Amino acid sequence: EKLIWPDDSPFGKTEIRTAEAKLKL
């Protein structure tokens, strides 16, 4: 549904994640 990018997409790397969010994910 184009809400998120696939894992291998370079656009997905533009997500800004805090350290806390990275741990949760």
PDB file of all heavy atoms in Angstrom:
ATOM      1  N   GLU A   1       0.808  -1.221   0.000  1.00  0.00           N
ATOM      2  CA  GLU A   1       0.000   0.000   0.000  1.00  0.00           C
ATOM      3  C   GLU A   1       0.841   1.272   0.000  1.00  0.00           C
ATOM      4  O   GLU A   1       0.323   2.372   0.180  1.00  0.00           O
ATOM      5  CB  GLU A   1      -0.960  -0.012   1.187  1.00  0.00           C
ATOM      6  CG  GLU A   1      -1.997  -1.103   1.068  1.00  0.00           C
ATOM      7  CD  GLU A   1      -3.074  -1.027   2.117  1.00  0.00           C
ATOM      8  OE1 GLU A   1      -3.268   0.075   2.691  1.00  0.00           O
ATOM      9  OE2 GLU A   1      -3.730  -2.045   2.355  1.00  0.00           O
ATOM     10  N   LYS A   2       2.147   1.116  -0.183  1.00  0.00           N
ATOM     11  CA  LYS A   2       3.082   2.252  -0.304  1.00  0.00           C
ATOM     12  C   LYS A   2       3.164   3.103   0.952  1.00  0.00           C
ATOM     13  O   LYS A   2       3.451   4.292   0.900  1.00  0.00           O
ATOM     14  CB  LYS A   2       2.727   3.147  -1.497  1.00  0.00           C
ATOM     15  CG  LYS A   2       2.552   2.428  -2.805  1.00  0.00           C
ATOM     16  CD  LYS A   2       3.858   2.013  -3.374  1.00  0.00           C
ATOM     17  CE  LYS A   2       3.681   1.522  -4.795  1.00  0.00           C
ATOM     18  NZ  LYS A   2       4.243   0.228  -5.028  1.00  0.00           N
ATOM     19  N   LEU A   3       2.935   2.479   2.095  1.00  0.00           N
ATOM     20  CA  LEU A   3       3.088   3.196   3.363  1.00  0.00           C
ATOM     21  C   LEU A   3       4.545   3.173   3.794  1.00  0.00           C
ATOM     22  O   LEU A   3       5.063   4.165   4.299  1.00  0.00           O
ATOM     23  CB  LEU A   3       2.198   2.565   4.430  1.00  0.00           C
ATOM     24  CG  LEU A   3       2.023   3.322   5.732  1.00  0.00           C
ATOM     25  CD1 LEU A   3       1.449   4.714   5.488  1.00  0.00           C
ATOM     26  CD2 LEU A   3       1.113   2.564   6.671  1.00  0.00           C
ATOM     27  N   ILE A   4       5.215   2.037   3.591  1.00  0.00           N
ATOM     28  CA  ILE A   4       6.646   1.912   3.882  1.00  0.00           C
ATOM     29  C   ILE A   4       7.339   1.382   2.633  1.00  0.00           C
ATOM     30  O   ILE A   4       6.701   0.854   1.720  1.00  0.00           O
ATOM     31  CB  ILE A   4       6.932   0.979   5.086  1.00  0.00           C
ATOM     32  CG1 ILE A   4       6.441  -0.439   4.817  1.00  0.00           C
ATOM     33  CG2 ILE A   4       6.333   1.553   6.358  1.00  0.00           C
ATOM     34  CD1 ILE A   4       6.811  -1.445   5.894  1.00  0.00           C
ATOM     35  N   TRP A   5       8.639   1.524   2.599  1.00  0.00           N
ATOM     36  CA  TRP A   5       9.445   1.023   1.487  1.00  0.00           C
ATOM     37  C   TRP A   5       9.941  -0.392   1.812  1.00  0.00           C
ATOM     38  O   TRP A   5      10.117  -0.736   2.977  1.00  0.00           O
ATOM     39  CB  TRP A   5      10.656   1.922   1.263  1.00  0.00           C
ATOM     40  CG  TRP A   5      10.300   3.312   0.848  1.00  0.00           C
ATOM     41  CD1 TRP A   5      10.199   4.403   1.660  1.00  0.00           C
ATOM     42  CD2 TRP A   5       9.977   3.756  -0.463  1.00  0.00           C
ATOM     43  NE1 TRP A   5       9.836   5.499   0.929  1.00  0.00           N
ATOM     44  CE2 TRP A   5       9.703   5.134  -0.376  1.00  0.00           C
ATOM     45  CE3 TRP A   5       9.911   3.127  -1.710  1.00  0.00           C
ATOM     46  CZ2 TRP A   5       9.358   5.889  -1.490  1.00  0.00           C
ATOM     47  CZ3 TRP A   5       9.561   3.894  -2.813  1.00  0.00           C
ATOM     48  CH2 TRP A   5       9.277   5.255  -2.697  1.00  0.00           C
ATOM     49  N   PRO A   6      10.213  -1.177   0.776  1.00  0.00           N
ATOM     50  CA  PRO A   6      10.820  -2.500   1.022  1.00  0.00           C
ATOM     51  C   PRO A   6      12.187  -2.352   1.691  1.00  0.00           C
ATOM     52  O   PRO A   6      12.843  -1.303   1.578  1.00  0.00           O
ATOM     53  CB  PRO A   6      10.971  -3.099  -0.379  1.00  0.00           C
ATOM     54  CG  PRO A   6      10.054  -2.310  -1.259  1.00  0.00           C
ATOM     55  CD  PRO A   6       9.928  -0.950  -0.639  1.00  0.00           C
ATOM     56  N   ASP A   7      12.621  -3.414   2.365  1.00  0.00           N
ATOM     57  CA  ASP A   7      13.894  -3.367   3.101  1.00  0.00           C
ATOM     58  C   ASP A   7      15.084  -3.047   2.214  1.00  0.00           C
ATOM     59  O   ASP A   7      16.031  -2.406   2.652  1.00  0.00           O
ATOM     60  CB  ASP A   7      14.135  -4.695   3.820  1.00  0.00           C
ATOM     61  CG  ASP A   7      13.179  -4.885   4.982  1.00  0.00           C
ATOM     62  OD1 ASP A   7      12.666  -3.874   5.504  1.00  0.00           O
ATOM     63  OD2 ASP A   7      12.957  -6.051   5.363  1.00  0.00           O
ATOM     64  N   ASP A   8      15.057  -3.480   0.955  1.00  0.00           N
ATOM     65  CA  ASP A   8      16.204  -3.265   0.072  1.00  0.00           C
ATOM     66  C   ASP A   8      16.163  -1.923  -0.668  1.00  0.00           C
ATOM     67  O   ASP A   8      17.039  -1.623  -1.459  1.00  0.00           O
ATOM     68  CB  ASP A   8      16.320  -4.409  -0.933  1.00  0.00           C
ATOM     69  CG  ASP A   8      15.072  -4.558  -1.801  1.00  0.00           C
ATOM     70  OD1 ASP A   8      14.035  -3.945  -1.471  1.00  0.00           O
ATOM     71  OD2 ASP A   8      15.144  -5.296  -2.801  1.00  0.00           O
ATOM     72  N   SER A   9      15.174  -1.101  -0.381  1.00  0.00           N
ATOM     73  CA  SER A   9      15.046   0.189  -1.052  1.00  0.00           C
ATOM     74  C   SER A   9      15.933   1.241  -0.388  1.00  0.00           C
ATOM     75  O   SER A   9      15.954   1.362   0.840  1.00  0.00           O
ATOM     76  CB  SER A   9      13.596   0.666  -0.988  1.00  0.00           C
ATOM     77  OG  SER A   9      13.491   1.991  -1.459  1.00  0.00           O
ATOM     78  N   PRO A  10      16.648   2.034  -1.196  1.00  0.00           N
ATOM     79  CA  PRO A  10      17.445   3.118  -0.599  1.00  0.00           C
ATOM     80  C   PRO A  10      16.573   4.190   0.060  1.00  0.00           C
ATOM     81  O   PRO A  10      17.009   4.869   0.975  1.00  0.00           O
ATOM     82  CB  PRO A  10      18.220   3.699  -1.786  1.00  0.00           C
ATOM     83  CG  PRO A  10      17.497   3.251  -3.010  1.00  0.00           C
ATOM     84  CD  PRO A  10      16.789   1.978  -2.657  1.00  0.00           C
ATOM     85  N   PHE A  11      15.323   4.324  -0.373  1.00  0.00           N
ATOM     86  CA  PHE A  11      14.427   5.313   0.234  1.00  0.00           C
ATOM     87  C   PHE A  11      14.079   4.950   1.671  1.00  0.00           C
ATOM     88  O   PHE A  11      13.829   5.821   2.498  1.00  0.00           O
ATOM     89  CB  PHE A  11      13.148   5.461  -0.587  1.00  0.00           C
ATOM     90  CG  PHE A  11      13.396   5.970  -1.976  1.00  0.00           C
ATOM     91  CD1 PHE A  11      13.118   5.180  -3.079  1.00  0.00           C
ATOM     92  CD2 PHE A  11      13.918   7.227  -2.182  1.00  0.00           C
ATOM     93  CE1 PHE A  11      13.347   5.637  -4.353  1.00  0.00           C
ATOM     94  CE2 PHE A  11      14.159   7.698  -3.463  1.00  0.00           C
ATOM     95  CZ  PHE A  11      13.866   6.902  -4.556  1.00  0.00           C
ATOM     96  N   GLY A  12      14.039   3.667   1.968  1.00  0.00           N
ATOM     97  CA  GLY A  12      13.752   3.226   3.327  1.00  0.00           C
ATOM     98  C   GLY A  12      14.820   3.651   4.315  1.00  0.00           C
ATOM     99  O   GLY A  12      14.567   3.759   5.515  1.00  0.00           O
ATOM    100  N   LYS A  13      16.005   3.897   3.808  1.00  0.00           N
ATOM    101  CA  LYS A  13      17.107   4.316   4.671  1.00  0.00           C
ATOM    102  C   LYS A  13      16.972   5.777   5.108  1.00  0.00           C
ATOM    103  O   LYS A  13      17.748   6.250   5.917  1.00  0.00           O
ATOM    104  CB  LYS A  13      18.439   4.076   3.968  1.00  0.00           C
ATOM    105  CG  LYS A  13      18.650   2.607   3.651  1.00  0.00           C
ATOM    106  CD  LYS A  13      20.060   2.294   3.287  1.00  0.00           C
ATOM    107  CE  LYS A  13      20.280   0.867   2.855  1.00  0.00           C
ATOM    108  NZ  LYS A  13      19.425  -0.154   3.361  1.00  0.00           N
ATOM    109  N   THR A  14      15.982   6.475   4.574  1.00  0.00           N
ATOM    110  CA  THR A  14      15.785   7.870   4.966  1.00  0.00           C
ATOM    111  C   THR A  14      14.891   7.997   6.198  1.00  0.00           C
ATOM    112  O   THR A  14      14.621   9.114   6.640  1.00  0.00           O
ATOM    113  CB  THR A  14      15.171   8.702   3.820  1.00  0.00           C
ATOM    114  OG1 THR A  14      13.880   8.188   3.503  1.00  0.00           O
ATOM    115  CG2 THR A  14      16.064   8.683   2.596  1.00  0.00           C
ATOM    116  N   GLU A  15      14.435   6.871   6.749  1.00  0.00           N
ATOM    117  CA  GLU A  15      13.674   6.926   7.988  1.00  0.00           C
ATOM    118  C   GLU A  15      14.576   7.430   9.103  1.00  0.00           C
ATOM    119  O   GLU A  15      15.715   6.986   9.221  1.00  0.00           O
ATOM    120  CB  GLU A  15      13.141   5.540   8.370  1.00  0.00           C
ATOM    121  CG  GLU A  15      12.032   5.059   7.494  1.00  0.00           C
ATOM    122  CD  GLU A  15      11.463   3.737   7.968  1.00  0.00           C
ATOM    123  OE1 GLU A  15      11.526   3.431   9.174  1.00  0.00           O
ATOM    124  OE2 GLU A  15      10.952   2.996   7.118  1.00  0.00           O
ATOM    125  N   ILE A  16      14.081   8.348   9.890  1.00  0.00           N
ATOM    126  CA  ILE A  16      14.851   8.898  11.001  1.00  0.00           C
ATOM    127  C   ILE A  16      14.395   8.186  12.271  1.00  0.00           C
ATOM    128  O   ILE A  16      13.243   8.326  12.684  1.00  0.00           O
ATOM    129  CB  ILE A  16      14.654  10.417  11.103  1.00  0.00           C
ATOM    130  CG1 ILE A  16      15.147  11.078   9.815  1.00  0.00           C
ATOM    131  CG2 ILE A  16      15.378  10.968  12.325  1.00  0.00           C
ATOM    132  CD1 ILE A  16      14.829  12.547   9.711  1.00  0.00           C
ATOM    133  N   ARG A  17      15.306   7.424  12.871  1.00  0.00           N
ATOM    134  CA  ARG A  17      14.970   6.615  14.042  1.00  0.00           C
ATOM    135  C   ARG A  17      15.836   7.009  15.227  1.00  0.00           C
ATOM    136  O   ARG A  17      17.052   7.121  15.105  1.00  0.00           O
ATOM    137  CB  ARG A  17      15.198   5.135  13.747  1.00  0.00           C
ATOM    138  CG  ARG A  17      14.307   4.612  12.666  1.00  0.00           C
ATOM    139  CD  ARG A  17      14.568   3.159  12.400  1.00  0.00           C
ATOM    140  NE  ARG A  17      13.626   2.665  11.396  1.00  0.00           N
ATOM    141  CZ  ARG A  17      13.693   1.471  10.862  1.00  0.00           C
ATOM    142  NH1 ARG A  17      14.650   0.638  11.216  1.00  0.00           N
ATOM    143  NH2 ARG A  17      12.811   1.106   9.971  1.00  0.00           N
ATOM    144  N   THR A  18      15.196   7.168  16.353  1.00  0.00           N
ATOM    145  CA  THR A  18      15.944   7.402  17.584  1.00  0.00           C
ATOM    146  C   THR A  18      16.534   6.071  18.041  1.00  0.00           C
ATOM    147  O   THR A  18      16.132   5.001  17.566  1.00  0.00           O
ATOM    148  CB  THR A  18      15.020   7.943  18.687  1.00  0.00           C
ATOM    149  OG1 THR A  18      14.033   6.953  18.982  1.00  0.00           O
ATOM    150  CG2 THR A  18      14.357   9.253  18.274  1.00  0.00           C
ATOM    151  N   ALA A  19      17.464   6.121  18.988  1.00  0.00           N
ATOM    152  CA  ALA A  19      18.049   4.885  19.526  1.00  0.00           C
ATOM    153  C   ALA A  19      16.964   4.024  20.156  1.00  0.00           C
ATOM    154  O   ALA A  19      16.966   2.792  20.002  1.00  0.00           O
ATOM    155  CB  ALA A  19      19.133   5.222  20.528  1.00  0.00           C
ATOM    156  N   GLU A  20      16.034   4.666  20.845  1.00  0.00           N
ATOM    157  CA  GLU A  20      14.934   3.930  21.480  1.00  0.00           C
ATOM    158  C   GLU A  20      14.063   3.223  20.435  1.00  0.00           C
ATOM    159  O   GLU A  20      13.672   2.067  20.603  1.00  0.00           O
ATOM    160  CB  GLU A  20      14.083   4.887  22.305  1.00  0.00           C
ATOM    161  CG  GLU A  20      12.927   4.244  23.000  1.00  0.00           C
ATOM    162  CD  GLU A  20      12.058   5.261  23.743  1.00  0.00           C
ATOM    163  OE1 GLU A  20      12.490   6.412  23.909  1.00  0.00           O
ATOM    164  OE2 GLU A  20      10.960   4.858  24.156  1.00  0.00           O
ATOM    165  N   ALA A  21      13.758   3.913  19.337  1.00  0.00           N
ATOM    166  CA  ALA A  21      12.937   3.324  18.279  1.00  0.00           C
ATOM    167  C   ALA A  21      13.670   2.149  17.621  1.00  0.00           C
ATOM    168  O   ALA A  21      13.045   1.138  17.292  1.00  0.00           O
ATOM    169  CB  ALA A  21      12.584   4.382  17.237  1.00  0.00           C
ATOM    170  N   LYS A  22      14.961   2.306  17.407  1.00  0.00           N
ATOM    171  CA  LYS A  22      15.746   1.213  16.816  1.00  0.00           C
ATOM    172  C   LYS A  22      15.674  -0.036  17.688  1.00  0.00           C
ATOM    173  O   LYS A  22      15.487  -1.148  17.180  1.00  0.00           O
ATOM    174  CB  LYS A  22      17.205   1.625  16.636  1.00  0.00           C
ATOM    175  CG  LYS A  22      17.438   2.581  15.503  1.00  0.00           C
ATOM    176  CD  LYS A  22      18.904   2.960  15.419  1.00  0.00           C
ATOM    177  CE  LYS A  22      19.104   4.078  14.424  1.00  0.00           C
ATOM    178  NZ  LYS A  22      20.486   4.540  14.354  1.00  0.00           N
ATOM    179  N   LEU A  23      15.806   0.139  18.999  1.00  0.00           N
ATOM    180  CA  LEU A  23      15.721  -0.998  19.913  1.00  0.00           C
ATOM    181  C   LEU A  23      14.347  -1.652  19.868  1.00  0.00           C
ATOM    182  O   LEU A  23      14.246  -2.886  19.830  1.00  0.00           O
ATOM    183  CB  LEU A  23      16.034  -0.563  21.344  1.00  0.00           C
ATOM    184  CG  LEU A  23      17.497  -0.256  21.677  1.00  0.00           C
ATOM    185  CD1 LEU A  23      17.612   0.306  23.080  1.00  0.00           C
ATOM    186  CD2 LEU A  23      18.329  -1.524  21.541  1.00  0.00           C
ATOM    187  N   LYS A  24      13.301  -0.854  19.861  1.00  0.00           N
ATOM    188  CA  LYS A  24      11.948  -1.396  19.819  1.00  0.00           C
ATOM    189  C   LYS A  24      11.701  -2.156  18.523  1.00  0.00           C
ATOM    190  O   LYS A  24      11.063  -3.205  18.532  1.00  0.00           O
ATOM    191  CB  LYS A  24      10.925  -0.294  19.992  1.00  0.00           C
ATOM    192  CG  LYS A  24      10.818   0.220  21.405  1.00  0.00           C
ATOM    193  CD  LYS A  24       9.731   1.256  21.516  1.00  0.00           C
ATOM    194  CE  LYS A  24       9.619   1.732  22.955  1.00  0.00           C
ATOM    195  NZ  LYS A  24       8.546   2.711  23.127  1.00  0.00           N
ATOM    196  N   LEU A  25      12.199  -1.632  17.416  1.00  0.00           N
ATOM    197  CA  LEU A  25      11.973  -2.292  16.134  1.00  0.00           C
ATOM    198  C   LEU A  25      12.794  -3.573  16.007  1.00  0.00           C
ATOM    199  O   LEU A  25      12.376  -4.508  15.314  1.00  0.00           O
ATOM    200  CB  LEU A  25      12.291  -1.338  14.976  1.00  0.00           C
ATOM    201  CG  LEU A  25      11.291  -0.206  14.804  1.00  0.00           C
ATOM    202  CD1 LEU A  25      11.786   0.801  13.776  1.00  0.00           C
ATOM    203  CD2 LEU A  25       9.920  -0.750  14.420  1.00  0.00           C
TER     204      LEU A  25
END
